[in-house]
Protein backbone atom coordinates (compact mmCIF):
# COMPACT_ATOMS: atom_id res chain seq x y z
CA MET A 1 -34.66 61.25 35.72
CA LYS A 2 -35.00 57.98 36.99
CA PRO A 3 -35.76 54.84 34.79
CA THR A 4 -39.63 54.33 34.00
CA LEU A 5 -41.23 50.48 34.06
CA ALA A 6 -44.12 49.05 32.72
CA ILE A 7 -45.65 46.41 35.24
CA SER A 8 -47.28 43.55 34.17
CA ILE A 9 -49.93 42.83 37.27
CA GLY A 10 -49.91 39.46 36.67
CA ASP A 11 -52.78 37.06 36.87
CA ILE A 12 -55.45 39.05 39.82
CA ASN A 13 -56.20 35.88 41.05
CA GLY A 14 -53.08 35.53 42.95
CA ILE A 15 -50.43 38.01 44.44
CA GLY A 16 -49.14 40.47 42.08
CA VAL A 17 -51.25 43.37 43.09
CA GLU A 18 -50.37 42.35 46.65
CA ILE A 19 -46.88 42.30 46.25
CA ALA A 20 -46.97 46.44 43.55
CA LEU A 21 -48.57 47.51 46.62
CA LYS A 22 -46.57 47.25 49.46
CA ALA A 23 -43.65 47.50 47.82
CA HIS A 24 -44.42 50.70 45.82
CA HIS A 25 -43.06 52.55 48.41
CA GLU A 26 -39.09 50.70 47.95
CA ILE A 27 -39.87 50.79 44.04
CA SER A 28 -40.60 54.30 43.79
CA LYS A 29 -37.75 55.91 45.04
CA ILE A 30 -35.38 54.46 42.22
CA CYS A 31 -38.07 53.78 38.98
CA THR A 32 -41.27 55.63 37.46
CA PRO A 33 -43.66 52.79 38.04
CA ILE A 34 -46.64 52.65 35.56
CA TYR A 35 -49.29 49.99 36.49
CA CYS A 36 -51.19 47.94 33.70
CA ILE A 37 -53.86 47.36 35.10
CA ASN A 38 -57.35 49.69 35.63
CA LYS A 39 -59.00 51.41 38.87
CA THR A 40 -61.78 49.36 39.15
CA MET A 41 -60.10 46.02 38.80
CA LEU A 42 -57.47 48.09 40.97
CA THR A 43 -60.02 48.76 44.16
CA GLN A 44 -61.75 45.30 43.89
CA ALA A 45 -58.09 44.04 45.00
CA ALA A 46 -57.87 46.72 47.75
CA GLN A 47 -60.59 46.71 49.19
CA LEU A 48 -59.46 42.59 49.05
CA LEU A 49 -56.28 43.23 50.77
CA ASP A 50 -57.67 46.16 52.56
CA MET A 51 -55.09 48.10 51.53
CA LYS A 52 -54.72 51.66 50.64
CA ILE A 53 -53.95 53.26 47.30
CA PRO A 54 -50.48 55.14 47.46
CA LYS A 55 -52.04 58.22 45.85
CA ASP A 56 -48.34 58.32 42.95
CA PHE A 57 -50.17 55.05 41.85
CA THR A 58 -49.65 55.75 38.38
CA LEU A 59 -52.16 53.99 36.10
CA SER A 60 -52.44 52.48 32.86
CA GLU A 61 -54.87 51.29 31.72
CA VAL A 62 -56.33 48.06 30.54
CA VAL A 63 -59.65 47.54 29.86
CA GLY A 64 -62.19 44.59 31.21
CA GLU A 65 -64.19 44.32 34.66
CA PHE A 66 -65.33 41.43 36.06
CA THR A 67 -65.65 39.74 40.00
CA ILE A 68 -61.49 38.50 41.65
CA GLN A 69 -61.79 34.51 42.27
CA ALA A 70 -58.81 34.91 44.77
CA GLY A 71 -56.79 31.41 44.46
CA LYS A 72 -59.33 30.06 41.68
CA VAL A 73 -58.19 29.32 38.08
CA ASP A 74 -60.12 31.55 36.08
CA ALA A 75 -60.36 31.94 31.98
CA GLN A 76 -60.81 36.24 33.11
CA SER A 77 -58.34 36.53 34.98
CA GLY A 78 -56.14 34.58 32.36
CA ARG A 79 -57.42 36.54 29.93
CA TYR A 80 -56.73 39.94 31.93
CA SER A 81 -52.94 38.79 32.55
CA TYR A 82 -51.93 38.18 29.20
CA ASP A 83 -54.01 41.73 28.78
CA SER A 84 -51.79 43.43 31.08
CA PHE A 85 -48.51 41.90 30.05
CA MET A 86 -50.05 43.03 26.13
CA HIS A 87 -50.38 46.75 27.14
CA ALA A 88 -47.05 46.42 29.09
CA ILE A 89 -45.49 45.52 25.55
CA THR A 90 -46.51 48.09 23.79
CA LEU A 91 -45.58 50.65 26.07
CA CYS A 92 -41.74 50.05 25.82
CA GLU A 93 -42.28 49.72 22.03
CA ASN A 94 -43.71 53.07 22.23
CA LYS A 95 -41.25 54.41 24.44
CA VAL A 96 -43.16 55.28 26.85
CA ALA A 97 -41.37 53.05 29.47
CA ASP A 98 -37.46 51.74 29.47
CA GLY A 99 -38.49 48.09 30.91
CA VAL A 100 -40.88 45.63 31.74
CA VAL A 101 -41.46 43.72 35.25
CA THR A 102 -44.12 41.20 34.93
CA MET A 103 -45.34 39.89 38.06
CA PRO A 104 -46.67 35.90 37.72
CA ILE A 105 -49.33 34.60 35.55
CA HIS A 106 -51.60 30.87 35.65
CA LYS A 107 -50.45 28.86 32.45
CA GLU A 108 -53.72 27.04 33.41
CA ALA A 109 -55.62 30.07 33.50
CA TRP A 110 -53.94 31.52 30.26
CA MET A 111 -54.65 28.05 29.00
CA ALA A 112 -58.35 28.47 29.69
CA ALA A 113 -58.29 31.93 28.32
CA GLY A 114 -57.60 30.40 24.79
CA LEU A 115 -54.40 31.45 24.88
CA THR A 116 -52.04 28.95 23.17
CA TYR A 117 -47.95 30.40 24.28
CA LYS A 118 -46.89 28.51 27.23
CA GLY A 119 -45.55 31.72 29.12
CA HIS A 120 -44.54 34.58 29.17
CA THR A 121 -40.56 33.82 26.97
CA ASP A 122 -43.24 31.95 24.56
CA LEU A 123 -45.34 34.82 24.10
CA LEU A 124 -42.00 37.46 23.76
CA ARG A 125 -40.19 34.53 21.27
CA LYS A 126 -43.77 35.36 19.35
CA HIS A 127 -44.16 38.17 19.74
CA PHE A 128 -40.25 39.45 18.68
CA ASN A 129 -39.52 36.67 15.84
CA LYS A 130 -35.78 36.78 18.76
CA GLU A 131 -34.61 33.38 20.58
CA ALA A 132 -35.11 34.53 23.85
CA ILE A 133 -33.49 32.57 26.66
CA MET A 134 -35.80 32.56 30.08
CA MET A 135 -32.10 32.34 32.32
CA LEU A 136 -33.24 32.90 35.91
CA GLY A 137 -31.16 33.19 39.09
CA CYS A 138 -29.73 36.21 41.29
CA PRO A 139 -26.62 38.20 42.12
CA GLN A 140 -24.43 34.85 43.72
CA MET A 141 -25.61 31.61 40.90
CA PHE A 142 -27.76 32.93 37.49
CA VAL A 143 -29.31 29.30 35.32
CA ALA A 144 -30.30 29.59 31.72
CA LEU A 145 -32.81 27.15 29.97
CA TYR A 146 -30.85 25.49 26.42
CA THR A 147 -35.19 23.89 26.64
CA GLU A 148 -37.64 25.49 29.24
CA HIS A 149 -41.77 23.96 28.50
CA MET A 150 -41.16 20.70 27.52
CA PRO A 151 -41.58 16.89 28.13
CA LEU A 152 -38.30 15.50 29.31
CA ALA A 153 -39.38 12.94 27.24
CA GLN A 154 -38.37 15.55 24.11
CA VAL A 155 -35.34 16.98 25.62
CA PRO A 156 -32.73 14.84 23.64
CA SER A 157 -34.14 15.13 20.84
CA MET A 158 -33.28 18.84 20.68
CA ILE A 159 -29.41 17.83 21.56
CA GLN A 160 -28.28 19.78 18.10
CA HIS A 161 -24.68 21.55 17.78
CA ASP A 162 -26.06 23.98 15.25
CA LYS A 163 -29.17 24.34 18.04
CA LEU A 164 -26.89 24.77 20.68
CA LEU A 165 -24.14 26.25 19.59
CA SER A 166 -27.06 29.47 18.09
CA PHE A 167 -27.90 29.24 21.67
CA PHE A 168 -24.88 29.27 23.47
CA GLN A 169 -24.06 32.27 20.63
CA ASP A 170 -26.96 34.51 21.99
CA PHE A 171 -26.69 33.88 25.32
CA HIS A 172 -22.24 35.08 25.40
CA ASN A 173 -23.82 37.94 23.48
CA ALA A 174 -26.30 38.61 26.17
CA ILE A 175 -23.72 38.75 29.28
CA GLY A 176 -20.18 39.55 27.85
CA GLU A 177 -16.80 38.13 28.97
CA GLU A 178 -18.96 35.69 31.47
CA LYS A 179 -17.11 31.63 32.40
CA VAL A 180 -19.91 29.87 31.44
CA ALA A 181 -20.54 26.70 32.94
CA VAL A 182 -22.46 23.89 30.64
CA LEU A 183 -24.07 20.81 32.12
CA GLY A 184 -24.85 17.66 30.07
CA LEU A 185 -27.56 16.03 30.10
CA ASN A 186 -27.39 12.55 31.43
CA PRO A 187 -26.15 11.78 34.88
CA HIS A 188 -22.59 11.32 34.92
CA ALA A 189 -22.84 13.42 32.18
CA GLY A 190 -23.12 10.08 29.63
CA ASP A 191 -19.92 8.65 31.03
CA ASN A 192 -17.62 8.73 28.16
CA GLY A 193 -21.32 7.46 26.26
CA VAL A 194 -22.17 4.08 29.22
CA LEU A 195 -25.28 6.42 30.62
CA GLY A 196 -26.07 8.74 26.65
CA ASP A 197 -23.98 9.80 24.00
CA GLU A 198 -26.22 13.47 23.19
CA GLU A 199 -22.77 15.27 25.94
CA LYS A 200 -20.67 14.73 22.32
CA GLU A 201 -23.43 17.11 20.59
CA ILE A 202 -22.91 19.53 23.07
CA GLU A 203 -18.65 19.06 24.17
CA LYS A 204 -18.99 20.27 20.01
CA ALA A 205 -21.14 22.93 20.49
CA ILE A 206 -18.86 24.00 22.98
CA ALA A 207 -16.02 24.01 20.94
CA SER A 208 -17.02 25.46 18.40
CA ILE A 209 -18.69 28.25 20.30
CA ASN A 210 -15.15 28.89 22.63
CA GLN A 211 -13.13 28.77 18.92
CA GLU A 212 -15.52 31.98 17.27
CA ILE A 213 -14.62 33.60 20.63
CA GLY A 214 -11.74 32.97 20.74
CA LYS A 215 -11.20 32.24 24.67
CA GLU A 216 -12.08 29.27 26.96
CA LEU A 217 -15.55 30.88 28.52
CA PHE A 218 -17.72 27.85 27.51
CA ILE A 219 -16.38 25.20 30.47
CA GLY A 220 -18.32 21.31 30.19
CA CYS A 221 -20.12 18.92 29.95
CA ILE A 222 -20.22 19.40 33.33
CA VAL A 223 -21.69 16.79 35.89
CA PRO A 224 -25.13 17.75 36.79
CA ASP A 225 -24.93 16.05 39.81
CA VAL A 226 -21.42 18.36 41.14
CA ALA A 227 -21.97 21.15 39.48
CA PHE A 228 -24.62 23.09 41.66
CA THR A 229 -21.98 22.28 44.97
CA PRO A 230 -20.41 24.70 47.43
CA ALA A 231 -17.61 23.87 46.06
CA PHE A 232 -18.22 23.52 42.22
CA ARG A 233 -19.96 26.62 42.42
CA LYS A 234 -17.16 29.39 43.36
CA ASN A 235 -15.19 29.47 39.82
CA PHE A 236 -18.10 29.67 38.12
CA ARG A 237 -21.77 32.68 38.95
CA TYR A 238 -23.40 31.30 34.94
CA PHE A 239 -24.81 27.78 34.71
CA ILE A 240 -26.38 26.22 31.42
CA ALA A 241 -29.12 23.95 32.15
CA MET A 242 -30.44 21.60 29.56
CA TYR A 243 -33.91 21.02 31.36
CA HIS A 244 -36.21 23.33 33.28
CA ASP A 245 -35.79 21.38 36.40
CA GLN A 246 -31.82 19.94 36.44
CA GLY A 247 -31.32 24.05 36.48
CA LEU A 248 -34.46 25.13 38.84
CA ALA A 249 -34.85 22.96 41.42
CA PRO A 250 -31.48 23.75 42.77
CA LEU A 251 -31.66 26.69 42.25
CA LYS A 252 -34.63 27.40 43.93
CA ALA A 253 -33.87 25.28 47.30
CA LEU A 254 -30.89 27.55 47.47
CA TYR A 255 -31.52 31.27 46.20
CA PHE A 256 -35.83 30.93 46.00
CA ASP A 257 -36.71 34.32 48.07
CA GLU A 258 -34.52 36.58 45.88
CA SER A 259 -34.34 35.11 41.78
CA VAL A 260 -35.20 36.99 39.92
CA ASN A 261 -36.72 36.06 35.96
CA ILE A 262 -35.06 37.61 33.14
CA SER A 263 -35.56 37.25 29.70
CA LEU A 264 -32.01 37.09 27.57
CA ASN A 265 -31.45 38.06 23.79
CA LEU A 266 -34.74 40.64 22.67
CA PRO A 267 -35.36 44.16 21.49
CA ILE A 268 -36.54 45.09 25.05
CA VAL A 269 -35.82 44.76 28.37
CA ARG A 270 -37.88 43.00 30.37
CA THR A 271 -38.08 40.70 33.94
CA SER A 272 -40.20 39.09 36.40
CA VAL A 273 -40.01 37.48 39.75
CA ASP A 274 -38.87 33.41 39.92
CA HIS A 275 -42.24 32.49 41.64
CA GLY A 276 -45.74 31.50 40.50
CA THR A 277 -49.33 33.19 41.36
CA ALA A 278 -49.12 31.60 44.91
CA PHE A 279 -53.14 31.24 44.70
CA ASP A 280 -52.99 29.35 48.33
CA ILE A 281 -52.29 32.83 50.34
CA ALA A 282 -54.23 35.23 47.17
CA TYR A 283 -55.38 37.62 49.24
CA LYS A 284 -54.52 37.00 53.05
CA ASN A 285 -51.02 38.93 52.95
CA LYS A 286 -48.68 37.09 53.60
CA ALA A 287 -47.10 37.42 49.26
CA GLN A 288 -42.75 38.42 50.11
CA THR A 289 -41.40 41.13 48.02
CA LEU A 290 -38.04 40.87 47.66
CA SER A 291 -38.57 37.84 43.91
CA TYR A 292 -40.01 40.87 43.01
CA ILE A 293 -38.02 44.44 44.12
CA ASN A 294 -35.01 42.22 42.70
CA ALA A 295 -36.87 41.94 39.18
CA VAL A 296 -37.49 45.46 39.51
CA HIS A 297 -33.60 46.23 40.32
CA SER A 298 -31.66 43.64 37.40
CA ALA A 299 -34.35 45.91 35.13
CA LEU A 300 -32.68 48.85 35.60
CA LYS A 301 -28.53 47.56 35.47
CA PHE A 302 -29.56 46.15 32.04
CA ILE A 303 -31.49 48.80 30.93
CA ARG A 304 -28.44 50.80 32.41
CA ASN A 305 -25.95 48.73 30.42
């Protein structure tokens, strides 16, 4: 039997429903998708898109009815995207679904709805009381983020041996026997303390994890502006960035359309598109499906492993 995936519909004022409808025929060949949305909201979205709802488009009803406002930040749409996501998680916990694939949410809409989470990964971390790891990428390159949605000024205080070692342990357990390039925090990876000394803590943690696993799989600190050059990427597929933009700016420059977001170190499989709600093109039939289709394939790979 094909695996079952719960599809969290994301912010309904964005491009999530359009992507789900466009890609349904393709993904239903490899999995059984269950869409976490009610018939009223789906019908309204399909009418705005002038698209037909496939007959085999299976729903798991999420309570809530309101007027879709294409491309607008709205508390109701923010709450509905949260409810859809939690509904998808529950389907996994109840063994109805084998994994969750999420469409994009809008963090400002979540805030307007009174939700305090910074995003999907933050919610998963607190819901399961596990240190979920955010990893983004595609088969050519994956980037894990040591810190995520955090002001840059707070990042240096997080560069601590024990925290880094715990992160490295969880990451190794999630991806297995893979070589990992660990980036330094500072320009030139600190230049031996001339431009900062946080790299000393990173290097100590790298030595600790390699000693623990008995192999030199974690390599670093790598100079950040060298790490993503073609010559360097020939030798590595997995990277750990110290902060959000350090890893995601080069990733999106190289592989924006095909990248996915994967949550590691959790009791459920969760993958996501690696793009936002795209309010500027919402309900204009311009949304691309590649990231979503890749997220489905990634989820199925983790389920089978």
